[in-house]
PDB file of N, CA and C in Angstrom:
ATOM      1  N   MET A   1     124.049 156.737 131.571  1.00  0.00           N
ATOM      2  CA  MET A   1     123.706 155.648 132.452  1.00  0.00           C
ATOM      3  C   MET A   1     124.357 154.361 131.983  1.00  0.00           C
ATOM      4  N   SER A   2     124.871 153.639 132.873  1.00  0.00           N
ATOM      5  CA  SER A   2     125.543 152.392 132.565  1.00  0.00           C
ATOM      6  C   SER A   2     124.593 151.223 132.824  1.00  0.00           C
ATOM      7  N   ARG A   3     124.531 150.343 131.898  1.00  0.00           N
ATOM      8  CA  ARG A   3     123.659 149.173 132.053  1.00  0.00           C
ATOM      9  C   ARG A   3     124.431 147.965 132.566  1.00  0.00           C
ATOM     10  N   GLY A   4     125.629 148.098 132.896  1.00  0.00           N
ATOM     11  CA  GLY A   4     126.421 146.993 133.400  1.00  0.00           C
ATOM     12  C   GLY A   4     127.681 146.822 132.578  1.00  0.00           C
ATOM     13  N   LYS A   5     128.506 145.940 133.025  1.00  0.00           N
ATOM     14  CA  LYS A   5     129.770 145.695 132.341  1.00  0.00           C
ATOM     15  C   LYS A   5     129.592 144.575 131.323  1.00  0.00           C
ATOM     16  N   LYS A   6     130.269 144.701 130.201  1.00  0.00           N
ATOM     17  CA  LYS A   6     130.277 143.632 129.215  1.00  0.00           C
ATOM     18  C   LYS A   6     131.269 142.578 129.661  1.00  0.00           C
ATOM     19  N   LEU A   7     130.868 141.347 129.562  1.00  0.00           N
ATOM     20  CA  LEU A   7     131.763 140.264 129.911  1.00  0.00           C
ATOM     21  C   LEU A   7     132.384 139.691 128.651  1.00  0.00           C
ATOM     22  N   ASP A   8     133.649 139.498 128.661  1.00  0.00           N
ATOM     23  CA  ASP A   8     134.347 138.897 127.545  1.00  0.00           C
ATOM     24  C   ASP A   8     134.708 137.477 127.963  1.00  0.00           C
ATOM     25  N   ILE A   9     133.950 136.527 127.481  1.00  0.00           N
ATOM     26  CA  ILE A   9     134.149 135.137 127.867  1.00  0.00           C
ATOM     27  C   ILE A   9     134.770 134.389 126.690  1.00  0.00           C
ATOM     28  N   PHE A  10     135.860 133.754 126.933  1.00  0.00           N
ATOM     29  CA  PHE A  10     136.511 132.941 125.925  1.00  0.00           C
ATOM     30  C   PHE A  10     136.493 131.505 126.418  1.00  0.00           C
ATOM     31  N   ILE A  11     135.804 130.656 125.711  1.00  0.00           N
ATOM     32  CA  ILE A  11     135.627 129.274 126.147  1.00  0.00           C
ATOM     33  C   ILE A  11     136.868 128.438 125.833  1.00  0.00           C
ATOM     34  N   GLY A  12     137.523 128.758 124.763  1.00  0.00           N
ATOM     35  CA  GLY A  12     138.721 128.008 124.429  1.00  0.00           C
ATOM     36  C   GLY A  12     138.504 127.000 123.319  1.00  0.00           C
ATOM     37  N   ALA A  13     137.452 127.150 122.543  1.00  0.00           N
ATOM     38  CA  ALA A  13     137.204 126.233 121.443  1.00  0.00           C
ATOM     39  C   ALA A  13     138.154 126.534 120.288  1.00  0.00           C
ATOM     40  N   ASP A  14     138.643 125.508 119.673  1.00  0.00           N
ATOM     41  CA  ASP A  14     139.545 125.670 118.544  1.00  0.00           C
ATOM     42  C   ASP A  14     138.809 125.223 117.288  1.00  0.00           C
ATOM     43  N   ILE A  15     138.485 126.153 116.417  1.00  0.00           N
ATOM     44  CA  ILE A  15     137.757 125.847 115.191  1.00  0.00           C
ATOM     45  C   ILE A  15     138.724 126.006 114.032  1.00  0.00           C
ATOM     46  N   ASP A  16     138.941 124.912 113.333  1.00  0.00           N
ATOM     47  CA  ASP A  16     139.815 124.976 112.167  1.00  0.00           C
ATOM     48  C   ASP A  16     139.087 124.397 110.959  1.00  0.00           C
ATOM     49  N   ASP A  17     139.759 124.278 109.873  1.00  0.00           N
ATOM     50  CA  ASP A  17     139.145 123.793 108.639  1.00  0.00           C
ATOM     51  C   ASP A  17     139.317 122.292 108.457  1.00  0.00           C
ATOM     52  N   SER A  18     139.211 121.523 109.492  1.00  0.00           N
ATOM     53  CA  SER A  18     139.402 120.079 109.379  1.00  0.00           C
ATOM     54  C   SER A  18     138.108 119.343 109.034  1.00  0.00           C
ATOM     55  N   TRP A  19     137.049 120.063 108.732  1.00  0.00           N
ATOM     56  CA  TRP A  19     135.788 119.433 108.349  1.00  0.00           C
ATOM     57  C   TRP A  19     135.935 118.881 106.944  1.00  0.00           C
ATOM     58  N   SER A  20     135.385 117.719 106.720  1.00  0.00           N
ATOM     59  CA  SER A  20     135.422 117.150 105.379  1.00  0.00           C
ATOM     60  C   SER A  20     134.141 116.351 105.157  1.00  0.00           C
ATOM     61  N   GLU A  21     133.750 116.280 103.910  1.00  0.00           N
ATOM     62  CA  GLU A  21     132.548 115.529 103.559  1.00  0.00           C
ATOM     63  C   GLU A  21     132.934 114.073 103.361  1.00  0.00           C
ATOM     64  N   ILE A  22     132.176 113.189 103.975  1.00  0.00           N
ATOM     65  CA  ILE A  22     132.464 111.771 103.870  1.00  0.00           C
ATOM     66  C   ILE A  22     131.753 111.228 102.644  1.00  0.00           C
ATOM     67  N   GLN A  23     132.498 110.650 101.756  1.00  0.00           N
ATOM     68  CA  GLN A  23     131.943 110.074 100.541  1.00  0.00           C
ATOM     69  C   GLN A  23     131.823 108.565 100.742  1.00  0.00           C
ATOM     70  N   THR A  24     130.602 108.075 100.903  1.00  0.00           N
ATOM     71  CA  THR A  24     130.394 106.647 101.041  1.00  0.00           C
ATOM     72  C   THR A  24     129.683 106.139  99.799  1.00  0.00           C
ATOM     73  N   PRO A  25     130.044 104.978  99.342  1.00  0.00           N
ATOM     74  CA  PRO A  25     129.361 104.441  98.158  1.00  0.00           C
ATOM     75  C   PRO A  25     127.928 104.059  98.502  1.00  0.00           C
ATOM     76  N   ARG A  26     127.070 104.100  97.504  1.00  0.00           N
ATOM     77  CA  ARG A  26     125.668 103.754  97.688  1.00  0.00           C
ATOM     78  C   ARG A  26     125.550 102.272  98.008  1.00  0.00           C
ATOM     79  N   LYS A  27     124.740 101.935  98.995  1.00  0.00           N
ATOM     80  CA  LYS A  27     124.618 100.548  99.431  1.00  0.00           C
ATOM     81  C   LYS A  27     123.886  99.689  98.404  1.00  0.00           C
ATOM     82  N   THR A  28     122.858 100.254  97.783  1.00  0.00           N
ATOM     83  CA  THR A  28     122.128  99.503  96.780  1.00  0.00           C
ATOM     84  C   THR A  28     122.493 100.033  95.408  1.00  0.00           C
ATOM     85  N   LYS A  29     122.632  99.139  94.488  1.00  0.00           N
ATOM     86  CA  LYS A  29     122.980  99.540  93.133  1.00  0.00           C
ATOM     87  C   LYS A  29     121.700  99.704  92.326  1.00  0.00           C
ATOM     88  N   VAL A  30     121.640 100.784  91.574  1.00  0.00           N
ATOM     89  CA  VAL A  30     120.492 101.034  90.722  1.00  0.00           C
ATOM     90  C   VAL A  30     120.742 100.334  89.402  1.00  0.00           C
ATOM     91  N   SER A  31     119.842  99.481  89.038  1.00  0.00           N
ATOM     92  CA  SER A  31     119.998  98.718  87.813  1.00  0.00           C
ATOM     93  C   SER A  31     119.236  99.400  86.688  1.00  0.00           C
ATOM     94  N   ASN A  32     119.887  99.541  85.566  1.00  0.00           N
ATOM     95  CA  ASN A  32     119.232 100.101  84.383  1.00  0.00           C
ATOM     96  C   ASN A  32     118.658  99.010  83.506  1.00  0.00           C
ATOM     97  N   GLU A  33     118.743  97.780  83.966  1.00  0.00           N
ATOM     98  CA  GLU A  33     118.245  96.641  83.210  1.00  0.00           C
ATOM     99  C   GLU A  33     116.721  96.659  83.202  1.00  0.00           C
ATOM    100  N   ILE A  34     116.136  96.428  82.045  1.00  0.00           N
ATOM    101  CA  ILE A  34     114.679  96.406  81.909  1.00  0.00           C
ATOM    102  C   ILE A  34     114.223  94.959  82.008  1.00  0.00           C
ATOM    103  N   LEU A  35     113.309  94.706  82.941  1.00  0.00           N
ATOM    104  CA  LEU A  35     112.796  93.358  83.168  1.00  0.00           C
ATOM    105  C   LEU A  35     111.342  93.267  82.751  1.00  0.00           C
ATOM    106  N   GLU A  36     110.933  92.064  82.392  1.00  0.00           N
ATOM    107  CA  GLU A  36     109.514  91.844  82.128  1.00  0.00           C
ATOM    108  C   GLU A  36     108.790  91.658  83.454  1.00  0.00           C
ATOM    109  N   PRO A  37     107.468  91.856  83.477  1.00  0.00           N
ATOM    110  CA  PRO A  37     106.731  91.833  84.753  1.00  0.00           C
ATOM    111  C   PRO A  37     106.918  90.561  85.575  1.00  0.00           C
ATOM    112  N   GLN A  38     107.068  89.410  84.941  1.00  0.00           N
ATOM    113  CA  GLN A  38     107.196  88.162  85.688  1.00  0.00           C
ATOM    114  C   GLN A  38     108.505  88.083  86.467  1.00  0.00           C
ATOM    115  N   LYS A  39     109.502  88.875  86.089  1.00  0.00           N
ATOM    116  CA  LYS A  39     110.806  88.813  86.752  1.00  0.00           C
ATOM    117  C   LYS A  39     110.981  89.875  87.827  1.00  0.00           C
ATOM    118  N   HIS A  40     109.974  90.692  88.051  1.00  0.00           N
ATOM    119  CA  HIS A  40     110.034  91.697  89.107  1.00  0.00           C
ATOM    120  C   HIS A  40     109.741  91.052  90.456  1.00  0.00           C
ATOM    121  N   PHE A  41     110.417  91.508  91.477  1.00  0.00           N
ATOM    122  CA  PHE A  41     110.108  91.124  92.848  1.00  0.00           C
ATOM    123  C   PHE A  41     109.861  92.416  93.607  1.00  0.00           C
ATOM    124  N   LEU A  42     108.596  92.801  93.714  1.00  0.00           N
ATOM    125  CA  LEU A  42     108.220  94.085  94.288  1.00  0.00           C
ATOM    126  C   LEU A  42     108.057  93.977  95.797  1.00  0.00           C
ATOM    127  N   LEU A  43     108.134  95.132  96.455  1.00  0.00           N
ATOM    128  CA  LEU A  43     107.870  95.193  97.881  1.00  0.00           C
ATOM    129  C   LEU A  43     107.085  96.451  98.193  1.00  0.00           C
ATOM    130  N   PHE A  44     106.449  96.450  99.349  1.00  0.00           N
ATOM    131  CA  PHE A  44     105.648  97.579  99.791  1.00  0.00           C
ATOM    132  C   PHE A  44     106.367  98.333 100.900  1.00  0.00           C
ATOM    133  N   LYS A  45     106.179  99.644 100.905  1.00  0.00           N
ATOM    134  CA  LYS A  45     106.635 100.492 102.006  1.00  0.00           C
ATOM    135  C   LYS A  45     105.477 101.409 102.359  1.00  0.00           C
ATOM    136  N   LYS A  46     105.369 101.733 103.631  1.00  0.00           N
ATOM    137  CA  LYS A  46     104.317 102.641 104.078  1.00  0.00           C
ATOM    138  C   LYS A  46     104.972 103.813 104.784  1.00  0.00           C
ATOM    139  N   GLU A  47     104.612 105.034 104.380  1.00  0.00           N
ATOM    140  CA  GLU A  47     105.171 106.237 104.984  1.00  0.00           C
ATOM    141  C   GLU A  47     104.052 107.168 105.400  1.00  0.00           C
ATOM    142  N   LYS A  48     104.359 108.021 106.352  1.00  0.00           N
ATOM    143  CA  LYS A  48     103.439 109.082 106.767  1.00  0.00           C
ATOM    144  C   LYS A  48     104.003 110.393 106.259  1.00  0.00           C
ATOM    145  N   ARG A  49     103.200 111.129 105.532  1.00  0.00           N
ATOM    146  CA  ARG A  49     103.608 112.440 105.032  1.00  0.00           C
ATOM    147  C   ARG A  49     102.522 113.439 105.364  1.00  0.00           C
ATOM    148  N   ARG A  50     102.881 114.395 106.196  1.00  0.00           N
ATOM    149  CA  ARG A  50     101.947 115.429 106.659  1.00  0.00           C
ATOM    150  C   ARG A  50     100.690 114.814 107.267  1.00  0.00           C
ATOM    151  N   GLY A  51     100.863 113.731 108.005  1.00  0.00           N
ATOM    152  CA  GLY A  51      99.757 113.092 108.687  1.00  0.00           C
ATOM    153  C   GLY A  51      98.951 112.144 107.815  1.00  0.00           C
ATOM    154  N   LYS A  52      99.306 112.018 106.546  1.00  0.00           N
ATOM    155  CA  LYS A  52      98.582 111.134 105.624  1.00  0.00           C
ATOM    156  C   LYS A  52      99.441 109.909 105.320  1.00  0.00           C
ATOM    157  N   THR A  53      98.786 108.804 105.022  1.00  0.00           N
ATOM    158  CA  THR A  53      99.490 107.576 104.691  1.00  0.00           C
ATOM    159  C   THR A  53      99.771 107.527 103.200  1.00  0.00           C
ATOM    160  N   VAL A  54     100.988 107.126 102.853  1.00  0.00           N
ATOM    161  CA  VAL A  54     101.396 106.956 101.459  1.00  0.00           C
ATOM    162  C   VAL A  54     101.922 105.537 101.309  1.00  0.00           C
ATOM    163  N   THR A  55     101.440 104.818 100.292  1.00  0.00           N
ATOM    164  CA  THR A  55     101.892 103.467 100.018  1.00  0.00           C
ATOM    165  C   THR A  55     102.870 103.503  98.852  1.00  0.00           C
ATOM    166  N   LEU A  56     104.051 102.957  99.053  1.00  0.00           N
ATOM    167  CA  LEU A  56     105.071 102.884  98.010  1.00  0.00           C
ATOM    168  C   LEU A  56     105.193 101.442  97.524  1.00  0.00           C
ATOM    169  N   VAL A  57     105.286 101.265  96.220  1.00  0.00           N
ATOM    170  CA  VAL A  57     105.470  99.945  95.621  1.00  0.00           C
ATOM    171  C   VAL A  57     106.664 100.035  94.686  1.00  0.00           C
ATOM    172  N   GLY A  58     107.548  99.081  94.735  1.00  0.00           N
ATOM    173  CA  GLY A  58     108.685  99.106  93.816  1.00  0.00           C
ATOM    174  C   GLY A  58     109.640  97.997  94.157  1.00  0.00           C
ATOM    175  N   GLU A  59     110.678  97.941  93.563  1.00  0.00           N
ATOM    176  CA  GLU A  59     111.312  98.824  92.625  1.00  0.00           C
ATOM    177  C   GLU A  59     111.046  98.285  91.223  1.00  0.00           C
ATOM    178  N   PHE A  60     110.484  99.135  90.374  1.00  0.00           N
ATOM    179  CA  PHE A  60     110.134  98.757  89.018  1.00  0.00           C
ATOM    180  C   PHE A  60     111.333  98.954  88.108  1.00  0.00           C
ATOM    181  N   GLN A  61     111.564  97.999  87.230  1.00  0.00           N
ATOM    182  CA  GLN A  61     112.623  98.110  86.231  1.00  0.00           C
ATOM    183  C   GLN A  61     111.977  98.044  84.863  1.00  0.00           C
ATOM    184  N   LEU A  62     111.220  99.098  84.585  1.00  0.00           N
ATOM    185  CA  LEU A  62     110.495  99.242  83.328  1.00  0.00           C
ATOM    186  C   LEU A  62     110.933 100.540  82.673  1.00  0.00           C
ATOM    187  N   PRO A  63     110.721 100.651  81.358  1.00  0.00           N
ATOM    188  CA  PRO A  63     110.909 101.967  80.749  1.00  0.00           C
ATOM    189  C   PRO A  63     109.933 102.961  81.370  1.00  0.00           C
ATOM    190  N   LYS A  64     110.337 104.208  81.467  1.00  0.00           N
ATOM    191  CA  LYS A  64     109.519 105.215  82.151  1.00  0.00           C
ATOM    192  C   LYS A  64     108.129 105.330  81.541  1.00  0.00           C
ATOM    193  N   GLU A  65     108.022 105.238  80.211  1.00  0.00           N
ATOM    194  CA  GLU A  65     106.711 105.359  79.562  1.00  0.00           C
ATOM    195  C   GLU A  65     105.781 104.228  79.990  1.00  0.00           C
ATOM    196  N   ASP A  66     106.321 102.993  80.054  1.00  0.00           N
ATOM    197  CA  ASP A  66     105.510 101.851  80.476  1.00  0.00           C
ATOM    198  C   ASP A  66     105.099 101.971  81.938  1.00  0.00           C
ATOM    199  N   ALA A  67     106.002 102.457  82.770  1.00  0.00           N
ATOM    200  CA  ALA A  67     105.697 102.619  84.193  1.00  0.00           C
ATOM    201  C   ALA A  67     104.615 103.680  84.394  1.00  0.00           C
ATOM    202  N   VAL A  68     104.681 104.757  83.624  1.00  0.00           N
ATOM    203  CA  VAL A  68     103.677 105.823  83.759  1.00  0.00           C
ATOM    204  C   VAL A  68     102.312 105.335  83.273  1.00  0.00           C
ATOM    205  N   THR A  69     102.268 104.550  82.197  1.00  0.00           N
ATOM    206  CA  THR A  69     100.969 104.026  81.742  1.00  0.00           C
ATOM    207  C   THR A  69     100.394 103.043  82.753  1.00  0.00           C
ATOM    208  N   LEU A  70     101.260 102.215  83.369  1.00  0.00           N
ATOM    209  CA  LEU A  70     100.797 101.303  84.419  1.00  0.00           C
ATOM    210  C   LEU A  70     100.280 102.091  85.616  1.00  0.00           C
ATOM    211  N   LEU A  71     100.982 103.163  85.975  1.00  0.00           N
ATOM    212  CA  LEU A  71     100.557 104.017  87.085  1.00  0.00           C
ATOM    213  C   LEU A  71      99.178 104.619  86.811  1.00  0.00           C
ATOM    214  N   LYS A  72      98.961 105.108  85.596  1.00  0.00           N
ATOM    215  CA  LYS A  72      97.657 105.690  85.242  1.00  0.00           C
ATOM    216  C   LYS A  72      96.549 104.655  85.357  1.00  0.00           C
ATOM    217  N   LEU A  73      96.819 103.434  84.886  1.00  0.00           N
ATOM    218  CA  LEU A  73      95.831 102.362  84.968  1.00  0.00           C
ATOM    219  C   LEU A  73      95.492 102.042  86.423  1.00  0.00           C
ATOM    220  N   LEU A  74      96.524 101.929  87.261  1.00  0.00           N
ATOM    221  CA  LEU A  74      96.298 101.597  88.673  1.00  0.00           C
ATOM    222  C   LEU A  74      95.564 102.717  89.403  1.00  0.00           C
ATOM    223  N   LYS A  75      95.929 103.964  89.124  1.00  0.00           N
ATOM    224  CA  LYS A  75      95.257 105.089  89.782  1.00  0.00           C
ATOM    225  C   LYS A  75      93.783 105.135  89.396  1.00  0.00           C
ATOM    226  N   LYS A  76      93.500 104.830  88.143  1.00  0.00           N
ATOM    227  CA  LYS A  76      92.109 104.846  87.682  1.00  0.00           C
ATOM    228  C   LYS A  76      91.299 103.743  88.353  1.00  0.00           C
ATOM    229  N   LYS A  77      91.880 102.554  88.466  1.00  0.00           N
ATOM    230  CA  LYS A  77      91.176 101.432  89.100  1.00  0.00           C
ATOM    231  C   LYS A  77      91.003 101.637  90.604  1.00  0.00           C
ATOM    232  N   LEU A  78      91.988 102.278  91.251  1.00  0.00           N
ATOM    233  CA  LEU A  78      91.926 102.485  92.697  1.00  0.00           C
ATOM    234  C   LEU A  78      91.171 103.748  93.082  1.00  0.00           C
ATOM    235  N   GLY A  79      91.080 104.701  92.162  1.00  0.00           N
ATOM    236  CA  GLY A  79      90.410 105.966  92.469  1.00  0.00           C
ATOM    237  C   GLY A  79      91.199 106.812  93.455  1.00  0.00           C
ATOM    238  N   CYS A  80      92.509 106.881  93.261  1.00  0.00           N
ATOM    239  CA  CYS A  80      93.354 107.666  94.156  1.00  0.00           C
ATOM    240  C   CYS A  80      94.416 108.387  93.342  1.00  0.00           C
ATOM    241  N   GLY A  81      95.175 109.231  94.007  1.00  0.00           N
ATOM    242  CA  GLY A  81      96.271 109.935  93.359  1.00  0.00           C
ATOM    243  C   GLY A  81      97.565 109.194  93.566  1.00  0.00           C
ATOM    244  N   GLY A  82      98.569 109.569  92.784  1.00  0.00           N
ATOM    245  CA  GLY A  82      99.855 108.929  92.935  1.00  0.00           C
ATOM    246  C   GLY A  82     100.869 109.518  91.990  1.00  0.00           C
ATOM    247  N   SER A  83     102.106 109.034  92.114  1.00  0.00           N
ATOM    248  CA  SER A  83     103.187 109.509  91.250  1.00  0.00           C
ATOM    249  C   SER A  83     104.227 108.407  91.101  1.00  0.00           C
ATOM    250  N   TYR A  84     105.149 108.633  90.161  1.00  0.00           N
ATOM    251  CA  TYR A  84     106.244 107.691  89.892  1.00  0.00           C
ATOM    252  C   TYR A  84     107.558 108.416  90.112  1.00  0.00           C
ATOM    253  N   LYS A  85     108.311 108.010  91.151  1.00  0.00           N
ATOM    254  CA  LYS A  85     109.576 108.655  91.492  1.00  0.00           C
ATOM    255  C   LYS A  85     110.618 107.591  91.826  1.00  0.00           C
ATOM    256  N   GLU A  86     111.798 107.731  91.228  1.00  0.00           N
ATOM    257  CA  GLU A  86     112.943 106.880  91.547  1.00  0.00           C
ATOM    258  C   GLU A  86     112.601 105.390  91.507  1.00  0.00           C
ATOM    259  N   ASN A  87     111.913 104.967  90.464  1.00  0.00           N
ATOM    260  CA  ASN A  87     111.521 103.572  90.227  1.00  0.00           C
ATOM    261  C   ASN A  87     110.517 103.031  91.246  1.00  0.00           C
ATOM    262  N   PHE A  88     109.909 103.893  92.036  1.00  0.00           N
ATOM    263  CA  PHE A  88     108.855 103.501  92.963  1.00  0.00           C
ATOM    264  C   PHE A  88     107.576 104.237  92.598  1.00  0.00           C
ATOM    265  N   MET A  89     106.452 103.566  92.739  1.00  0.00           N
ATOM    266  CA  MET A  89     105.150 104.202  92.554  1.00  0.00           C
ATOM    267  C   MET A  89     104.609 104.559  93.924  1.00  0.00           C
ATOM    268  N   GLU A  90     104.122 105.788  94.047  1.00  0.00           N
ATOM    269  CA  GLU A  90     103.573 106.276  95.305  1.00  0.00           C
ATOM    270  C   GLU A  90     102.076 106.453  95.139  1.00  0.00           C
ATOM    271  N   PHE A  91     101.313 105.923  96.073  1.00  0.00           N
ATOM    272  CA  PHE A  91      99.861 106.041  96.040  1.00  0.00           C
ATOM    273  C   PHE A  91      99.371 106.680  97.336  1.00  0.00           C
ATOM    274  N   GLN A  92      98.368 107.526  97.218  1.00  0.00           N
ATOM    275  CA  GLN A  92      97.807 108.191  98.387  1.00  0.00           C
ATOM    276  C   GLN A  92      96.851 107.235  99.086  1.00  0.00           C
ATOM    277  N   GLY A  93      97.137 106.945 100.343  1.00  0.00           N
ATOM    278  CA  GLY A  93      96.285 106.074 101.135  1.00  0.00           C
ATOM    279  C   GLY A  93      96.954 104.739 101.401  1.00  0.00           C
ATOM    280  N   GLU A  94      96.290 103.950 102.226  1.00  0.00           N
ATOM    281  CA  GLU A  94      96.785 102.618 102.562  1.00  0.00           C
ATOM    282  C   GLU A  94      96.080 101.613 101.661  1.00  0.00           C
ATOM    283  N   LEU A  95      96.751 101.213 100.595  1.00  0.00           N
ATOM    284  CA  LEU A  95      96.128 100.418  99.533  1.00  0.00           C
ATOM    285  C   LEU A  95      96.876  99.123  99.254  1.00  0.00           C
ATOM    286  N   LYS A  96      97.568  98.590 100.229  1.00  0.00           N
ATOM    287  CA  LYS A  96      98.438  97.432 100.013  1.00  0.00           C
ATOM    288  C   LYS A  96      97.682  96.237  99.430  1.00  0.00           C
ATOM    289  N   ASP A  97      96.567  95.871 100.029  1.00  0.00           N
ATOM    290  CA  ASP A  97      95.840  94.675  99.586  1.00  0.00           C
ATOM    291  C   ASP A  97      95.269  94.838  98.182  1.00  0.00           C
ATOM    292  N   LYS A  98      94.676  95.998  97.904  1.00  0.00           N
ATOM    293  CA  LYS A  98      94.106  96.243  96.578  1.00  0.00           C
ATOM    294  C   LYS A  98      95.196  96.291  95.509  1.00  0.00           C
ATOM    295  N   LEU A  99      96.313  96.948  95.836  1.00  0.00           N
ATOM    296  CA  LEU A  99      97.426  97.048  94.888  1.00  0.00           C
ATOM    297  C   LEU A  99      98.015  95.680  94.586  1.00  0.00           C
ATOM    298  N   ARG A 100      98.153  94.866  95.613  1.00  0.00           N
ATOM    299  CA  ARG A 100      98.723  93.531  95.410  1.00  0.00           C
ATOM    300  C   ARG A 100      97.892  92.754  94.390  1.00  0.00           C
ATOM    301  N   ASN A 101      96.567  92.763  94.539  1.00  0.00           N
ATOM    302  CA  ASN A 101      95.699  92.031  93.611  1.00  0.00           C
ATOM    303  C   ASN A 101      95.807  92.569  92.189  1.00  0.00           C
ATOM    304  N   LEU A 102      95.807  93.890  92.039  1.00  0.00           N
ATOM    305  CA  LEU A 102      95.892  94.479  90.703  1.00  0.00           C
ATOM    306  C   LEU A 102      97.229  94.181  90.040  1.00  0.00           C
ATOM    307  N   LEU A 103      98.321  94.259  90.787  1.00  0.00           N
ATOM    308  CA  LEU A 103      99.636  94.004  90.203  1.00  0.00           C
ATOM    309  C   LEU A 103      99.851  92.528  89.893  1.00  0.00           C
ATOM    310  N   ILE A 104      99.281  91.643  90.696  1.00  0.00           N
ATOM    311  CA  ILE A 104      99.363  90.209  90.385  1.00  0.00           C
ATOM    312  C   ILE A 104      98.612  89.923  89.093  1.00  0.00           C
ATOM    313  N   ASN A 105      97.463  90.587  88.892  1.00  0.00           N
ATOM    314  CA  ASN A 105      96.717  90.418  87.641  1.00  0.00           C
ATOM    315  C   ASN A 105      97.502  90.935  86.438  1.00  0.00           C
ATOM    316  N   GLU A 106      98.376  91.912  86.648  1.00  0.00           N
ATOM    317  CA  GLU A 106      99.214  92.446  85.569  1.00  0.00           C
ATOM    318  C   GLU A 106     100.456  91.587  85.333  1.00  0.00           C
ATOM    319  N   GLY A 107     100.699  90.592  86.188  1.00  0.00           N
ATOM    320  CA  GLY A 107     101.814  89.674  85.989  1.00  0.00           C
ATOM    321  C   GLY A 107     103.022  89.922  86.870  1.00  0.00           C
ATOM    322  N   PHE A 108     102.935  90.819  87.845  1.00  0.00           N
ATOM    323  CA  PHE A 108     104.065  91.108  88.728  1.00  0.00           C
ATOM    324  C   PHE A 108     104.065  90.151  89.906  1.00  0.00           C
ATOM    325  N   ARG A 109     105.254  89.963  90.496  1.00  0.00           N
ATOM    326  CA  ARG A 109     105.390  89.109  91.673  1.00  0.00           C
ATOM    327  C   ARG A 109     105.934  89.938  92.830  1.00  0.00           C
ATOM    328  N   PHE A 110     105.808  89.407  94.039  1.00  0.00           N
ATOM    329  CA  PHE A 110     106.237  90.112  95.238  1.00  0.00           C
ATOM    330  C   PHE A 110     107.225  89.272  96.027  1.00  0.00           C
ATOM    331  N   ARG A 111     108.046  89.959  96.805  1.00  0.00           N
ATOM    332  CA  ARG A 111     108.955  89.255  97.698  1.00  0.00           C
ATOM    333  C   ARG A 111     108.159  88.567  98.783  1.00  0.00           C
ATOM    334  N   ILE A 112     108.743  87.546  99.360  1.00  0.00           N
ATOM    335  CA  ILE A 112     108.070  86.797 100.415  1.00  0.00           C
ATOM    336  C   ILE A 112     107.882  87.722 101.622  1.00  0.00           C
ATOM    337  N   GLY A 113     106.667  87.768 102.148  1.00  0.00           N
ATOM    338  CA  GLY A 113     106.371  88.606 103.305  1.00  0.00           C
ATOM    339  C   GLY A 113     105.881  89.989 102.965  1.00  0.00           C
ATOM    340  N   HIS A 114     105.799  90.318 101.678  1.00  0.00           N
ATOM    341  CA  HIS A 114     105.327  91.645 101.286  1.00  0.00           C
ATOM    342  C   HIS A 114     104.045  91.535 100.520  1.00  0.00           C
TER     343      HIS A 114
END
């Protein structure tokens, strides 16, 4: 039994190896300079991850050990979870106002409007 004829359709697309990866320089430069808290200008970002709000604070220019101890202190005072990734601290929940007060008490400053 025949189920029909096979159609051989050629669209005429020409596929060659002209694909190339575009290498663009990073727009922001990552500084390895370590600053004291008074010289930081932090900002807030808010993201949604799996339907939950995450508050990001950064960019911190501290040694990793100092940043992790500061993170532990803030998490304990706020009663929430969080992590330290790529010089930003991530906190679970919308905690902008509480975080601002705690970080100002620690000697950090914020950009205007944040």
